Protein backbone atom coordinates (compact mmCIF):
# COMPACT_ATOMS: atom_id res chain seq x y z
CA UNK A 1 33.44 12.75 108.81
CA UNK A 2 36.21 11.33 106.77
CA UNK A 3 39.19 13.51 105.50
CA UNK A 4 38.20 15.87 102.63
CA UNK A 5 39.51 14.97 99.30
CA UNK A 6 38.48 17.92 97.17
CA UNK A 7 35.55 20.15 96.28
CA UNK A 8 33.46 20.26 93.14
CA UNK A 9 30.43 22.17 92.17
CA UNK A 10 28.67 18.96 91.15
CA UNK A 11 29.50 15.32 91.89
CA UNK A 12 27.87 12.58 89.81
CA UNK A 13 27.61 9.09 91.26
CA UNK A 14 27.75 6.65 88.29
CA UNK A 15 29.77 6.82 85.11
CA UNK A 16 27.46 5.10 82.74
CA UNK A 17 25.95 6.77 79.68
CA UNK A 18 23.63 9.00 81.76
CA UNK A 19 26.35 10.13 84.16
CA UNK A 20 28.92 10.77 81.40
CA UNK A 21 26.37 12.69 79.24
CA UNK A 22 25.39 14.80 82.25
CA UNK A 23 29.04 15.45 83.13
CA UNK A 24 29.75 16.62 79.53
CA UNK A 25 26.70 18.92 79.57
CA UNK A 26 27.92 20.50 82.79
CA UNK A 27 31.53 20.75 81.75
CA UNK A 28 30.36 22.29 78.49
CA UNK A 29 28.75 25.02 80.55
CA UNK A 30 31.88 25.68 82.60
CA UNK A 31 30.76 23.77 85.72
CA UNK A 32 33.36 22.02 87.92
CA UNK A 33 31.95 18.48 87.79
CA UNK A 34 33.40 15.16 88.69
CA UNK A 35 32.21 11.51 88.33
CA UNK A 36 32.49 8.76 90.94
CA UNK A 37 32.46 5.35 89.12
CA UNK A 38 32.71 1.93 90.81
CA UNK A 39 34.24 0.19 87.83
CA UNK A 40 38.07 0.64 87.71
CA UNK A 41 38.08 0.85 83.96
CA UNK A 42 35.68 1.23 80.99
CA UNK A 43 35.45 -2.54 80.59
CA UNK A 44 31.74 -3.62 80.61
CA UNK A 45 30.66 -7.21 80.92
CA UNK A 46 28.22 -8.10 78.09
CA UNK A 47 26.89 -5.94 75.29
CA UNK A 48 23.99 -4.30 77.22
CA UNK A 49 21.98 -1.67 75.43
CA UNK A 50 21.97 -2.18 71.59
CA UNK A 51 21.55 1.24 70.09
CA UNK A 52 20.38 4.84 69.91
CA UNK A 53 17.00 6.12 68.77
CA UNK A 54 16.53 9.30 66.58
CA UNK A 55 15.87 11.76 69.38
CA UNK A 56 19.03 10.70 71.26
CA UNK A 57 21.14 11.00 68.07
CA UNK A 58 19.63 14.51 67.67
CA UNK A 59 20.74 15.62 71.14
CA UNK A 60 24.16 14.33 70.40
CA UNK A 61 24.05 16.23 67.12
CA UNK A 62 23.09 19.35 69.06
CA UNK A 63 26.47 19.13 70.81
CA UNK A 64 28.36 18.36 67.62
CA UNK A 65 29.34 14.83 68.51
CA UNK A 66 26.67 12.71 66.70
CA UNK A 67 29.19 11.79 63.94
CA UNK A 68 31.40 10.06 66.49
CA UNK A 69 28.64 7.55 67.27
CA UNK A 70 27.23 7.24 63.65
CA UNK A 71 30.70 6.36 62.34
CA UNK A 72 30.95 3.44 64.62
CA UNK A 73 27.32 2.18 64.39
CA UNK A 74 25.07 0.73 61.69
CA UNK A 75 22.11 2.78 60.43
CA UNK A 76 18.94 0.70 60.41
CA UNK A 77 15.97 2.21 58.77
CA UNK A 78 13.50 -0.41 59.90
CA UNK A 79 12.71 -0.97 63.49
CA UNK A 80 11.18 -4.13 65.05
CA UNK A 81 7.71 -4.50 66.42
CA UNK A 82 6.57 -7.94 67.50
CA UNK A 83 7.10 -10.40 64.61
CA UNK A 84 7.75 -7.78 61.91
CA UNK A 85 9.85 -4.58 61.22
CA UNK A 86 8.42 -1.26 60.30
CA UNK A 87 9.86 1.56 58.14
CA UNK A 88 11.13 4.57 60.00
CA UNK A 89 12.93 6.30 57.08
CA UNK A 90 10.10 8.81 56.60
CA UNK A 91 10.14 10.28 60.09
CA UNK A 92 10.55 14.07 59.90
CA UNK A 93 14.07 14.20 61.29
CA UNK A 94 17.54 14.34 59.79
CA UNK A 95 18.33 11.15 61.75
CA UNK A 96 15.55 8.95 60.57
CA UNK A 97 17.06 5.65 61.58
CA UNK A 98 17.97 3.47 64.56
CA UNK A 99 21.71 3.37 65.15
CA UNK A 100 22.77 -0.13 66.06
CA UNK A 101 25.72 0.39 68.50
CA UNK A 102 26.45 -1.61 71.57
CA UNK A 103 26.70 0.13 74.98
CA UNK A 104 30.35 -0.73 75.23
CA UNK A 105 31.11 1.48 72.26
CA UNK A 106 28.66 4.16 73.30
CA UNK A 107 30.40 4.43 76.68
CA UNK A 108 33.86 4.70 75.17
CA UNK A 109 32.84 7.47 72.88
CA UNK A 110 31.25 9.45 75.74
CA UNK A 111 34.39 8.76 77.85
CA UNK A 112 36.56 10.27 75.15
CA UNK A 113 34.30 13.32 75.00
CA UNK A 114 34.31 14.01 78.74
CA UNK A 115 38.09 13.31 78.71
CA UNK A 116 38.48 16.13 76.16
CA UNK A 117 36.41 18.36 78.53
CA UNK A 118 38.82 17.48 81.40
CA UNK A 119 36.13 15.93 83.66
CA UNK A 120 37.92 14.07 86.52
CA UNK A 121 36.65 10.51 87.13
CA UNK A 122 37.24 8.80 90.47
CA UNK A 123 37.42 5.18 89.27
CA UNK A 124 37.16 2.14 91.36
CA UNK A 125 35.30 3.88 94.09
CA UNK A 126 31.70 3.94 95.27
CA UNK A 127 29.62 6.61 97.02
CA UNK A 128 28.76 4.98 100.37
CA UNK A 129 26.82 7.88 101.86
CA UNK A 130 26.20 11.57 101.96
CA UNK A 131 24.91 14.38 104.13
CA UNK A 132 23.40 17.47 102.70
CA UNK A 133 22.98 20.90 104.33
CA UNK A 134 21.85 24.42 103.29
CA UNK A 135 24.99 25.05 101.21
CA UNK A 136 26.08 21.67 99.81
CA UNK A 137 26.52 17.94 100.13
CA UNK A 138 29.37 15.96 101.82
CA UNK A 139 29.87 12.78 99.77
CA UNK A 140 31.56 9.76 101.42
CA UNK A 141 33.62 7.50 99.30
CA UNK A 142 34.36 3.81 99.76
CA UNK A 143 38.06 4.51 100.45
CA UNK A 144 37.34 6.59 103.47
CA UNK A 145 37.78 10.03 101.82
CA UNK A 146 34.98 12.47 100.99
CA UNK A 147 34.01 15.09 98.46
CA UNK A 148 32.18 18.32 99.01
CA UNK A 149 29.78 19.45 96.31
CA UNK A 150 27.02 22.04 95.80
CA UNK A 151 24.88 19.31 94.25
CA UNK A 152 24.99 15.50 94.03
CA UNK A 153 23.35 13.65 91.14
CA UNK A 154 22.62 9.90 91.39
CA UNK A 155 23.17 8.13 88.09
CA UNK A 156 23.94 5.00 89.85
CA UNK A 157 21.42 2.62 88.41
CA UNK A 158 18.20 0.89 89.37
CA UNK A 159 19.53 -0.08 92.78
CA UNK A 160 20.65 3.49 93.39
CA UNK A 161 22.22 4.09 96.82
CA UNK A 162 21.72 7.82 96.29
CA UNK A 163 17.93 7.41 95.87
CA UNK A 164 17.71 5.23 98.94
CA UNK A 165 19.88 7.39 101.15
CA UNK A 166 17.83 10.40 100.04
CA UNK A 167 14.66 8.53 101.23
CA UNK A 168 12.92 8.98 97.90
CA UNK A 169 10.10 6.48 97.41
CA UNK A 170 10.24 4.05 94.45
CA UNK A 171 6.70 2.91 93.71
CA UNK A 172 5.65 0.78 90.88
CA UNK A 173 4.96 -2.80 89.81
CA UNK A 174 6.72 -6.02 90.92
CA UNK A 175 8.09 -8.27 88.19
CA UNK A 176 5.74 -10.83 86.52
CA UNK A 177 8.51 -12.46 84.53
CA UNK A 178 12.28 -13.03 84.77
CA UNK A 179 14.94 -13.48 82.03
CA UNK A 180 18.57 -14.51 81.94
CA UNK A 181 20.77 -12.99 79.42
CA UNK A 182 24.13 -14.64 78.75
CA UNK A 183 27.02 -15.13 76.43
CA UNK A 184 28.03 -18.80 76.56
CA UNK A 185 29.73 -21.73 74.83
CA UNK A 186 27.74 -24.91 73.96
CA UNK A 187 28.83 -28.36 72.86
CA UNK A 188 25.80 -28.63 70.57
CA UNK A 189 24.38 -26.27 68.02
CA UNK A 190 21.22 -24.74 69.56
CA UNK A 191 17.93 -23.70 68.07
CA UNK A 192 18.71 -20.27 66.43
CA UNK A 193 16.19 -17.45 66.46
CA UNK A 194 13.13 -16.67 68.55
CA UNK A 195 10.78 -19.04 70.47
CA UNK A 196 7.90 -17.63 72.44
CA UNK A 197 6.29 -19.26 75.50
CA UNK A 198 3.50 -18.16 77.79
CA UNK A 199 5.64 -15.69 79.75
CA UNK A 200 7.65 -14.14 77.01
CA UNK A 201 10.32 -14.48 74.30
CA UNK A 202 13.35 -16.56 74.21
CA UNK A 203 16.14 -16.15 71.55
CA UNK A 204 19.66 -17.44 70.67
CA UNK A 205 22.06 -15.92 68.18
CA UNK A 206 25.68 -16.57 67.13
CA UNK A 207 28.17 -13.90 68.28
CA UNK A 208 30.84 -12.54 65.84
CA UNK A 209 33.49 -14.87 67.04
CA UNK A 210 31.39 -17.75 65.70
CA UNK A 211 31.98 -19.81 68.90
CA UNK A 212 29.83 -18.17 71.57
CA UNK A 213 26.06 -17.82 71.72
CA UNK A 214 24.18 -14.92 73.09
CA UNK A 215 20.86 -15.99 74.58
CA UNK A 216 17.87 -14.60 76.37
CA UNK A 217 15.79 -17.17 78.15
CA UNK A 218 12.86 -17.17 80.54
CA UNK A 219 13.30 -18.30 84.11
CA UNK A 220 10.69 -20.54 85.63
CA UNK A 221 10.74 -18.68 88.96
CA UNK A 222 10.36 -14.85 89.43
CA UNK A 223 11.95 -12.94 92.20
CA UNK A 224 15.31 -14.54 92.64
CA UNK A 225 17.82 -12.10 93.99
CA UNK A 226 21.09 -14.07 93.98
CA UNK A 227 23.63 -13.45 91.28
CA UNK A 228 22.72 -15.81 88.40
CA UNK A 229 24.94 -18.86 87.75
CA UNK A 230 25.75 -21.21 84.94
CA UNK A 231 23.44 -23.71 86.62
CA UNK A 232 20.58 -21.21 86.41
CA UNK A 233 21.12 -20.84 82.78
CA UNK A 234 21.20 -24.62 82.24
CA UNK A 235 17.99 -25.09 84.18
CA UNK A 236 16.13 -22.26 82.29
CA UNK A 237 17.29 -23.69 78.88
CA UNK A 238 16.24 -27.09 79.81
CA UNK A 239 12.73 -25.84 80.91
CA UNK A 240 12.17 -23.91 77.61
CA UNK A 241 13.97 -26.09 75.03
CA UNK A 242 14.19 -29.47 76.76
CA UNK A 243 18.05 -29.35 76.74
CA UNK A 244 20.93 -27.07 77.57
CA UNK A 245 22.77 -27.95 74.35
CA UNK A 246 25.77 -29.11 76.27
CA UNK A 247 26.29 -25.81 78.03
CA UNK A 248 29.98 -25.52 78.89
CA UNK A 249 30.84 -22.09 80.15
CA UNK A 250 29.71 -18.40 80.17
CA UNK A 251 31.67 -15.20 79.82
CA UNK A 252 28.68 -13.11 81.04
CA UNK A 253 25.43 -13.81 82.81
CA UNK A 254 22.88 -11.24 83.99
CA UNK A 255 19.17 -11.24 85.10
CA UNK A 256 16.49 -8.81 84.26
CA UNK A 257 12.79 -8.65 84.87
CA UNK A 258 9.81 -6.58 83.77
CA UNK A 259 9.68 -4.76 87.16
CA UNK A 260 8.60 -1.18 86.61
CA UNK A 261 9.23 1.51 89.18
CA UNK A 262 9.75 5.23 89.24
CA UNK A 263 11.15 7.58 91.85
CA UNK A 264 8.43 9.67 93.40
CA UNK A 265 10.59 12.69 92.99
CA UNK A 266 13.62 13.39 90.86
CA UNK A 267 14.98 15.76 93.52
CA UNK A 268 15.43 16.09 97.28
CA UNK A 269 16.90 19.51 97.85
CA UNK A 270 20.50 19.27 96.64
CA UNK A 271 20.25 15.63 95.46
CA UNK A 272 18.82 14.74 92.07
CA UNK A 273 18.35 11.49 90.18
CA UNK A 274 18.68 10.64 86.49
CA UNK A 275 18.56 7.63 84.25
CA UNK A 276 17.91 4.11 85.85
CA UNK A 277 18.23 5.68 89.38
CA UNK A 278 14.98 7.49 88.59
CA UNK A 279 13.12 4.80 86.61
CA UNK A 280 13.60 1.06 85.95
CA UNK A 281 11.62 -1.06 83.56
CA UNK A 282 11.86 -3.96 81.15
CA UNK A 283 14.44 -3.48 78.41
CA UNK A 284 11.71 -4.30 75.84
CA UNK A 285 11.86 -1.50 73.21
CA UNK A 286 15.37 -0.47 74.11
CA UNK A 287 14.46 2.79 75.71
CA UNK A 288 16.53 2.72 78.88
CA UNK A 289 19.85 4.12 77.69
CA UNK A 290 18.09 6.57 75.54
CA UNK A 291 15.84 8.09 78.21
CA UNK A 292 18.74 8.34 80.53
CA UNK A 293 20.84 10.38 78.04
CA UNK A 294 17.78 12.62 77.43
CA UNK A 295 17.30 13.09 81.15
CA UNK A 296 20.95 14.32 81.32
CA UNK A 297 20.43 16.87 78.54
CA UNK A 298 17.24 18.16 80.25
CA UNK A 299 19.05 18.54 83.64
CA UNK A 300 22.45 19.66 82.56
CA UNK A 301 21.82 23.29 81.39
CA UNK A 302 19.39 23.84 84.26
CA UNK A 303 21.80 22.72 86.93
CA UNK A 304 24.62 24.75 85.33
CA UNK A 305 22.53 27.89 85.48
CA UNK A 306 21.67 27.35 89.16
CA UNK A 307 25.33 26.63 89.98
CA UNK A 308 26.46 29.85 88.25
CA UNK A 309 23.73 31.84 89.96
CA UNK A 310 22.14 32.76 86.69
CA UNK A 311 18.81 31.16 87.72
CA UNK A 312 17.20 30.51 91.08
CA UNK A 313 17.11 27.06 92.41
CA UNK A 314 13.48 26.77 91.59
CA UNK A 315 14.55 26.15 87.99
CA UNK A 316 15.50 22.65 89.06
CA UNK A 317 11.80 21.87 89.89
CA UNK A 318 11.12 21.97 86.11
CA UNK A 319 13.44 18.98 85.73
CA UNK A 320 11.00 16.79 87.69
CA UNK A 321 7.89 18.46 86.08
CA UNK A 322 9.14 17.72 82.53
CA UNK A 323 10.94 14.35 82.89
CA UNK A 324 8.78 12.49 85.39
CA UNK A 325 5.83 12.20 82.90
CA UNK A 326 8.26 11.01 80.26
CA UNK A 327 9.53 8.30 82.54
CA UNK A 328 6.05 7.27 83.46
CA UNK A 329 5.22 6.88 79.77
CA UNK A 330 8.21 4.68 79.21
CA UNK A 331 7.17 2.49 82.03
CA UNK A 332 3.71 2.19 80.41
CA UNK A 333 5.27 1.44 77.05
CA UNK A 334 7.54 -1.33 78.30
CA UNK A 335 4.68 -2.93 80.33
CA UNK A 336 2.61 -2.99 77.19
CA UNK A 337 5.38 -4.49 75.07
CA UNK A 338 5.93 -7.12 77.63
CA UNK A 339 2.30 -8.14 77.45
CA UNK A 340 2.26 -8.08 73.68
CA UNK A 341 5.36 -10.35 73.60
CA UNK A 342 3.86 -13.23 75.54
CA UNK A 343 3.21 -16.51 73.68
CA UNK A 344 -0.36 -17.25 74.75
CA UNK A 345 -3.22 -17.05 72.28
CA UNK A 346 -4.75 -13.92 73.57
CA UNK A 347 -1.45 -12.02 73.55
CA UNK A 348 -0.87 -13.40 70.04
CA UNK A 349 -4.18 -12.00 68.89
CA UNK A 350 -3.31 -8.64 70.31
CA UNK A 351 0.02 -8.65 68.63
CA UNK A 352 -1.47 -9.48 65.23
CA UNK A 353 -4.08 -6.72 65.68
CA UNK A 354 -1.49 -4.05 66.56
CA UNK A 355 0.88 -5.22 63.86
CA UNK A 356 -1.89 -4.72 61.29
CA UNK A 357 -2.66 -1.23 62.61
CA UNK A 358 1.02 -0.18 62.46
CA UNK A 359 1.10 -1.00 58.83
CA UNK A 360 -0.85 2.37 58.34
CA UNK A 361 1.39 5.45 58.08
CA UNK A 362 -0.18 7.57 60.78
CA UNK A 363 -0.16 5.18 63.68
CA UNK A 364 3.26 3.88 62.54
CA UNK A 365 4.84 7.31 62.67
CA UNK A 366 3.16 8.05 65.92
CA UNK A 367 4.40 4.84 67.51
CA UNK A 368 8.00 5.40 66.60
CA UNK A 369 7.88 9.11 67.47
CA UNK A 370 6.80 7.97 70.95
CA UNK A 371 9.34 5.29 71.30
CA UNK A 372 12.21 7.54 70.16
CA UNK A 373 11.25 10.62 72.15
CA UNK A 374 10.67 12.66 68.99
CA UNK A 375 7.15 13.55 70.13
CA UNK A 376 7.97 14.65 73.68
CA UNK A 377 5.90 17.61 74.66
CA UNK A 378 6.73 19.52 77.85
CA UNK A 379 3.61 21.21 79.25
CA UNK A 380 4.46 24.87 78.92
CA UNK A 381 0.86 25.86 78.48
CA UNK A 382 -1.41 26.69 75.57
CA UNK A 383 -0.12 28.13 72.35
CA UNK A 384 1.64 27.25 69.14
CA UNK A 385 2.11 23.47 68.62
CA UNK A 386 5.87 24.09 68.77
CA UNK A 387 5.78 25.25 72.38
CA UNK A 388 7.39 22.69 74.57
CA UNK A 389 8.44 20.51 71.66
CA UNK A 390 11.84 19.80 70.02
CA UNK A 391 12.93 22.36 67.59
CA UNK A 392 13.27 20.96 64.09
CA UNK A 393 16.85 20.94 62.56
CA UNK A 394 16.00 23.45 59.79
CA UNK A 395 18.35 24.37 56.97
CA UNK A 396 18.53 28.12 57.61
CA UNK A 397 19.81 30.95 55.37
CA UNK A 398 21.69 33.71 57.24
CA UNK A 399 23.70 36.78 56.19
CA UNK A 400 26.85 34.66 56.59
CA UNK A 401 25.48 31.65 54.58
CA UNK A 402 23.54 28.48 55.27
CA UNK A 403 23.33 27.08 58.77
CA UNK A 404 21.59 24.22 60.49
CA UNK A 405 19.63 24.91 63.70
CA UNK A 406 21.43 22.19 65.70
CA UNK A 407 24.72 23.89 64.80
CA UNK A 408 23.56 26.87 66.85
CA UNK A 409 23.33 24.65 69.90
CA UNK A 410 26.85 23.21 69.72
CA UNK A 411 28.02 25.44 72.63
CA UNK A 412 24.88 24.58 74.69
CA UNK A 413 23.62 28.19 74.63
CA UNK A 414 20.01 29.19 74.16
CA UNK A 415 19.04 30.81 70.88
CA UNK A 416 16.36 33.43 69.93
CA UNK A 417 15.86 32.65 66.28
CA UNK A 418 14.33 35.66 64.45
CA UNK A 419 12.66 34.61 61.19
CA UNK A 420 10.89 37.94 60.60
CA UNK A 421 12.32 41.39 59.66
CA UNK A 422 15.88 42.14 60.76
CA UNK A 423 16.15 44.18 63.96
CA UNK A 424 12.77 43.24 65.29
CA UNK A 425 14.02 41.98 68.61
CA UNK A 426 16.34 43.53 71.17
CA UNK A 427 17.57 41.12 73.98
CA UNK A 428 20.47 43.23 75.23
CA UNK A 429 19.69 42.46 78.93
CA UNK A 430 20.18 38.72 78.16
CA UNK A 431 22.88 39.08 75.48
CA UNK A 432 25.50 37.41 77.73
CA UNK A 433 23.36 34.31 77.88
CA UNK A 434 21.12 34.13 74.82
CA UNK A 435 22.25 34.17 71.14
CA UNK A 436 20.15 36.29 68.77
CA UNK A 437 20.25 34.80 65.27
CA UNK A 438 18.47 36.39 62.26
CA UNK A 439 17.68 34.00 59.43
CA UNK A 440 15.18 32.86 56.89
CA UNK A 441 13.70 29.52 56.17
CA UNK A 442 11.74 28.43 53.11
CA UNK A 443 9.92 25.19 53.53
CA UNK A 444 7.26 23.45 55.63
CA UNK A 445 7.50 23.02 59.42
CA UNK A 446 6.74 19.39 60.11
CA UNK A 447 6.63 17.87 63.62
CA UNK A 448 6.63 14.14 64.37
CA UNK A 449 3.17 12.75 65.25
CA UNK A 450 1.69 16.26 64.64
CA UNK A 451 2.36 17.01 61.02
CA UNK A 452 2.69 20.39 59.40
CA UNK A 453 2.36 23.54 61.58
CA UNK A 454 2.18 27.21 60.95
CA UNK A 455 5.55 28.87 60.55
CA UNK A 456 6.28 31.21 63.48
CA UNK A 457 8.08 34.54 63.16
CA UNK A 458 10.51 33.67 65.98
CA UNK A 459 11.26 30.95 68.50
CA UNK A 460 13.31 30.78 71.69
CA UNK A 461 15.22 27.57 71.85
CA UNK A 462 16.61 26.13 75.08
CA UNK A 463 20.00 24.50 75.20
CA UNK A 464 18.37 21.05 75.25
CA UNK A 465 16.69 21.84 71.92
CA UNK A 466 13.18 22.42 73.14
CA UNK A 467 11.13 25.57 72.25
CA UNK A 468 10.40 27.83 75.29
CA UNK A 469 8.60 30.61 73.43
CA UNK A 470 7.04 31.00 70.06
CA UNK A 471 6.53 34.50 68.59
CA UNK A 472 3.62 35.79 66.66
CA UNK A 473 3.04 39.34 65.38
CA UNK A 474 2.50 40.72 68.93
CA UNK A 475 5.77 39.26 70.26
CA UNK A 476 4.00 38.93 73.65
CA UNK A 477 5.66 37.13 76.48
CA UNK A 478 9.25 37.04 75.35
CA UNK A 479 10.69 39.00 78.29
CA UNK A 480 8.85 36.65 80.73
CA UNK A 481 10.18 33.55 78.98
CA UNK A 482 13.70 34.89 78.98
CA UNK A 483 13.55 35.61 82.64
CA UNK A 484 12.01 32.35 83.64
CA UNK A 485 14.29 30.09 81.68
CA UNK A 486 17.52 32.00 81.53
CA UNK A 487 17.49 34.34 84.60
CA UNK A 488 16.65 38.00 85.13
CA UNK A 489 17.92 40.77 82.94
CA UNK A 490 21.42 42.01 83.68
CA UNK A 491 21.33 44.55 86.45
CA UNK A 492 23.04 47.22 84.42
CA UNK A 493 20.33 46.81 81.74
CA UNK A 494 17.35 46.42 84.11
CA UNK A 495 15.73 49.85 83.20
CA UNK A 496 16.14 49.10 79.48
CA UNK A 497 14.85 45.52 80.00
CA UNK A 498 11.55 46.93 81.23
CA UNK A 499 11.34 49.21 78.29
CA UNK A 500 12.05 46.33 75.87
CA UNK A 501 9.48 44.22 77.53
CA UNK A 502 6.87 46.99 77.34
CA UNK A 503 7.62 47.66 73.68
CA UNK A 504 7.48 44.06 72.47
CA UNK A 505 4.20 43.32 74.44
CA UNK A 506 2.58 46.60 73.37
CA UNK A 507 1.32 47.07 76.91
CA UNK A 508 2.69 48.93 79.83
CA UNK A 509 1.52 46.19 82.25
CA UNK A 510 1.60 42.85 80.32
CA UNK A 511 -0.21 40.00 82.04
CA UNK A 512 2.05 37.07 82.73
CA UNK A 513 1.14 34.19 80.22
CA UNK A 514 -0.64 31.16 81.74
CA UNK A 515 2.12 29.00 80.27
CA UNK A 516 4.64 30.57 82.66
CA UNK A 517 2.66 31.06 85.83
CA UNK A 518 3.27 27.60 87.08
CA UNK A 519 7.02 28.29 87.39
């Protein structure tokens, strides 16, 4: 084994948006976390992902940093589908817009945030291997040194070395089409806009400097693995347009396909996967960066509680249980969008039919709630429609004045929100972990893709903004939910905890709810 460099509770391989968001979440929770990033600086070739969906902006708002992104992006209240755009301004969220913001800016904003949280980043280095045992993981670096961590998280992209070394299968679908994306200079003015062919969409647009062209063009052959060249771009342009418009040079060339694969498991003991390391798919629909950031927010607080010993290691199993179905749905969505985008007559007929259906309010709202993640529903069992869904950002009234729900999540601590009579809940055994907030709310409770739901008397909100328990008049199941998601009651309060549980469930031997038995 190489010489030991230092120890950290968590090492993250990969410093893209997913890795940095996860690092911020862990640092927020007081975890000693470090990032290993192969790039020596924040410089990023090309523009990459083009923006943030409403749910991603919401999770940034939950940490009090959404304004940093919104101030540098452009709010767009219509989102594209096929040949048209559809209104999203009536989605039931405070952030009812798509934020146009190139990945280069997104990464710099996240880097500033994790810098403020004093997260060390080992730049210009790669993870070349690792070995895990019962107590931790030895992580080998490309300069011959190594790190020791309790946990290693692979956020190292679609070709993830962490996934491969962990022996995690990556089943899915091989590519059916291949694209080149490039920023180039041409001697002649090209055909601006979109042109479809039988295998997909081609497009050219003028960049801000007025000299370069950003293009996306189909390749004739699928499955090429070599790094793309200027000659490849010229051949693809000539095949589609009949000319390469006097192609001179390129500042950036990359290749992507519609390959769709997902890790069979998000975890192997002390090694976990997030973002593109866990799922790859076509960029159609722009979901990749967004789902990665949302992966990080789901994993961060759970991993922090396990590191701190607050919760057992089994809590990490819920990361796979919750996020794997989300990833599978994104693969399905992008495969469908790739099919809809083809230029043959049958695909054109399907595109026209779906575009017509999405002019209606209900399917339009359902579609964009799905694409943005606003409709995500973690399976926590039967119960109130809020259970397992994102908590709406309500404008509450408290004894200390008005307060937004998302403001309560700024320090990444769970919240028991009591909307009934004051003093109706005693969570003293969990008071060191869970905030008890008493408030009132006057208004309807509206959920994306669901509509109006009955107002509960209380909700238990996880640090990622999802509802872990919904209270009715019986208050049944609260003690179980607190224990399962946020650890057992404090030892010094254990006797009182049982008394509290008995009182709020109105039964000396409450049966464990079905929604919690699986964990």
